[in-house]
Amino acid sequence: MDKYKETIELGHNEIPARLNLDTGEFLIASKAEKRGDDTLGPNPIKKFSKRNEMAWEVLESQTSNLEYAVANKLTRYLKMHTNSLDPLNNDTTLTTLSEEFGVSRKSISGVFDRLFRLGVYGKFELYEMNEKYKSYWIFNPYLTSNGKYTKKDVLGLFQNTLYAKI
């Protein structure tokens, strides 16, 4: 594997990052890398992500600034190819959501209810054969999808939302 070193100039509000063109993995450099060490921190913030700007413009017109900001922050949780928002699910407490998204505990329930009603994300529950209960949330891939492709099953779940028509 070839390694390249290049010096770049950054503004006071910029940080270095790496993008793997093969996998689409996007990693923010750790403090060690900023010092010149050849390591990355463990927190990849986004993989290969596709965003439908027209759908986001419609969403912005339908939501408050707070709701729009929370929708944007939800994209940080997207799992590759499935758009799952794991670990977020129906069992996630309001306190946890409030802390994760920086929204008061009093307001967070209303924000997530509104985003759910708009089709920004879906809630799914099932019991498997061994009667193990599973609950998970999936972000609407017609707004943003994570991965070079999104499974057709996931696309089908959201095909009748407004954002799929855009």
Protein backbone atom coordinates (compact mmCIF):
# COMPACT_ATOMS: atom_id res chain seq x y z
CA MET A 1 0.00 0.00 0.00
CA ASP A 2 1.42 3.34 -1.05
CA LYS A 3 1.45 6.08 1.55
CA TYR A 4 1.59 9.74 0.70
CA LYS A 5 2.33 12.70 2.91
CA GLU A 6 1.23 16.16 1.98
CA THR A 7 1.23 19.40 3.88
CA ILE A 8 -1.99 21.38 3.69
CA GLU A 9 -3.06 24.69 5.10
CA LEU A 10 -6.23 24.76 7.19
CA GLY A 11 -8.34 27.64 8.39
CA HIS A 12 -9.16 28.10 12.06
CA ASN A 13 -12.54 26.41 11.51
CA GLU A 14 -11.25 23.44 9.46
CA ILE A 15 -9.90 20.01 10.41
CA PRO A 16 -8.03 17.36 8.39
CA ALA A 17 -9.85 14.23 7.23
CA ARG A 18 -9.32 11.21 4.98
CA LEU A 19 -11.68 9.78 2.36
CA ASN A 20 -11.14 6.20 1.16
CA LEU A 21 -12.21 6.21 -2.50
CA ASP A 22 -12.66 2.43 -2.55
CA THR A 23 -14.98 2.10 0.45
CA GLY A 24 -16.30 5.63 0.78
CA GLU A 25 -15.17 5.68 4.41
CA PHE A 26 -14.71 9.22 5.70
CA LEU A 27 -12.54 9.64 8.79
CA ILE A 28 -11.72 12.75 10.76
CA ALA A 29 -8.09 12.90 11.79
CA SER A 30 -7.34 12.43 15.46
CA LYS A 31 -5.20 14.85 17.47
CA ALA A 32 -2.31 12.40 17.02
CA GLU A 33 -2.57 12.71 13.24
CA LYS A 34 -2.75 16.49 13.45
CA ARG A 35 0.61 16.34 15.24
CA GLY A 36 2.01 14.26 12.38
CA ASP A 37 1.59 10.74 13.80
CA ASP A 38 0.21 8.23 11.31
CA THR A 39 -2.93 7.16 13.18
CA LEU A 40 -6.61 7.94 12.96
CA GLY A 41 -9.06 8.20 15.80
CA PRO A 42 -11.71 5.47 16.16
CA ASN A 43 -14.65 7.72 15.24
CA PRO A 44 -15.50 7.54 11.55
CA ILE A 45 -18.31 10.04 11.17
CA LYS A 46 -19.65 9.07 7.77
CA LYS A 47 -19.12 6.41 5.21
CA PHE A 48 -20.02 6.91 1.56
CA SER A 49 -23.13 9.05 1.88
CA LYS A 50 -25.56 10.28 -0.80
CA ARG A 51 -27.83 13.23 -0.05
CA ASN A 52 -30.84 14.30 -2.13
CA GLU A 53 -30.60 18.09 -1.90
CA MET A 54 -34.05 18.70 -3.41
CA ALA A 55 -35.67 16.44 -0.83
CA TRP A 56 -33.77 18.20 1.96
CA GLU A 57 -35.02 21.57 0.66
CA VAL A 58 -38.59 20.29 0.88
CA LEU A 59 -37.93 18.93 4.37
CA GLU A 60 -36.51 22.29 5.42
CA SER A 61 -39.68 24.03 4.25
CA GLN A 62 -41.80 21.59 6.31
CA THR A 63 -39.89 21.75 9.57
CA SER A 64 -38.71 24.18 12.21
CA ASN A 65 -34.99 24.93 12.48
CA LEU A 66 -34.79 22.58 15.45
CA GLU A 67 -36.53 19.69 13.65
CA TYR A 68 -34.33 20.20 10.59
CA ALA A 69 -31.17 20.20 12.74
CA VAL A 70 -32.21 16.96 14.46
CA ALA A 71 -32.90 15.33 11.07
CA ASN A 72 -29.40 16.31 9.96
CA LYS A 73 -27.88 14.92 13.15
CA LEU A 74 -29.74 11.64 12.62
CA THR A 75 -27.65 11.04 9.48
CA ARG A 76 -24.61 10.52 11.72
CA TYR A 77 -26.11 7.20 12.82
CA LEU A 78 -26.73 5.72 9.35
CA LYS A 79 -25.47 2.19 8.89
CA MET A 80 -24.14 1.05 5.53
CA HIS A 81 -26.68 -0.22 2.97
CA THR A 82 -29.59 -0.46 5.45
CA ASN A 83 -29.85 3.14 6.75
CA SER A 84 -30.52 1.69 10.18
CA LEU A 85 -30.20 4.25 12.97
CA ASP A 86 -28.83 1.70 15.42
CA PRO A 87 -28.59 2.05 18.43
CA LEU A 88 -31.64 4.35 18.30
CA ASN A 89 -34.97 2.53 18.57
CA ASN A 90 -38.31 2.58 20.40
CA ASP A 91 -36.54 1.68 23.64
CA THR A 92 -34.26 4.73 23.52
CA THR A 93 -35.22 7.00 26.42
CA LEU A 94 -36.20 10.64 25.99
CA THR A 95 -33.31 11.56 28.26
CA THR A 96 -30.85 9.79 25.96
CA LEU A 97 -32.35 11.42 22.85
CA SER A 98 -32.28 14.80 24.59
CA GLU A 99 -28.59 14.44 25.44
CA GLU A 100 -27.59 13.04 22.03
CA PHE A 101 -29.33 15.75 20.03
CA GLY A 102 -28.92 18.71 22.36
CA VAL A 103 -32.66 19.32 22.65
CA SER A 104 -34.55 19.86 25.89
CA ARG A 105 -36.24 16.80 27.32
CA LYS A 106 -39.52 18.70 27.14
CA SER A 107 -39.22 19.22 23.35
CA ILE A 108 -37.50 16.06 22.11
CA SER A 109 -40.63 13.89 21.96
CA GLY A 110 -42.45 16.41 19.77
CA VAL A 111 -39.46 16.77 17.44
CA PHE A 112 -39.16 13.01 16.87
CA ASP A 113 -42.93 12.60 16.49
CA ARG A 114 -42.95 15.29 13.80
CA LEU A 115 -40.01 13.75 11.92
CA PHE A 116 -41.69 10.34 12.08
CA ARG A 117 -45.00 11.72 10.73
CA LEU A 118 -43.13 13.41 7.87
CA GLY A 119 -41.50 10.10 6.91
CA VAL A 120 -37.95 11.13 7.78
CA TYR A 121 -37.49 7.83 9.57
CA GLY A 122 -39.51 4.67 10.13
CA LYS A 123 -40.02 2.57 13.25
CA PHE A 124 -40.04 -1.19 12.84
CA GLU A 125 -40.75 -3.93 15.35
CA LEU A 126 -40.78 -7.69 15.04
CA TYR A 127 -40.51 -10.91 16.97
CA GLU A 128 -38.11 -13.42 15.54
CA MET A 129 -38.73 -17.18 15.58
CA ASN A 130 -37.04 -17.51 18.95
CA GLU A 131 -39.45 -14.83 20.21
CA LYS A 132 -36.65 -12.32 20.53
CA TYR A 133 -38.13 -8.84 20.22
CA LYS A 134 -36.38 -6.38 17.92
CA SER A 135 -37.12 -2.72 17.46
CA TYR A 136 -35.21 -0.49 15.08
CA TRP A 137 -35.42 2.80 13.25
CA ILE A 138 -34.47 3.35 9.64
CA PHE A 139 -33.71 6.72 8.05
CA ASN A 140 -35.49 7.52 4.78
CA PRO A 141 -32.95 6.68 2.04
CA TYR A 142 -34.67 9.10 -0.34
CA LEU A 143 -33.29 11.91 1.85
CA THR A 144 -29.85 10.45 2.59
CA SER A 145 -28.46 6.98 2.08
CA ASN A 146 -25.26 5.47 3.36
CA GLY A 147 -23.29 3.18 1.10
CA LYS A 148 -22.64 2.85 -2.59
CA TYR A 149 -26.07 1.21 -2.79
CA THR A 150 -29.08 0.86 -0.50
CA LYS A 151 -30.86 -2.47 -0.24
CA LYS A 152 -34.01 -2.54 -2.37
CA ASP A 153 -36.04 -3.75 0.61
CA VAL A 154 -35.17 -0.55 2.46
CA LEU A 155 -36.06 1.62 -0.52
CA GLY A 156 -39.39 -0.19 -0.76
CA LEU A 157 -40.27 0.69 2.83
CA PHE A 158 -40.20 4.40 1.97
CA GLN A 159 -41.42 4.35 -1.64
CA ASN A 160 -44.72 6.04 -0.79
CA THR A 161 -43.23 8.98 1.08
CA LEU A 162 -43.10 12.49 -0.31
CA TYR A 163 -39.31 12.37 -0.48
CA ALA A 164 -39.38 9.30 -2.75
CA LYS A 165 -41.43 11.28 -5.27
CA ILE A 166 -38.90 14.12 -5.45
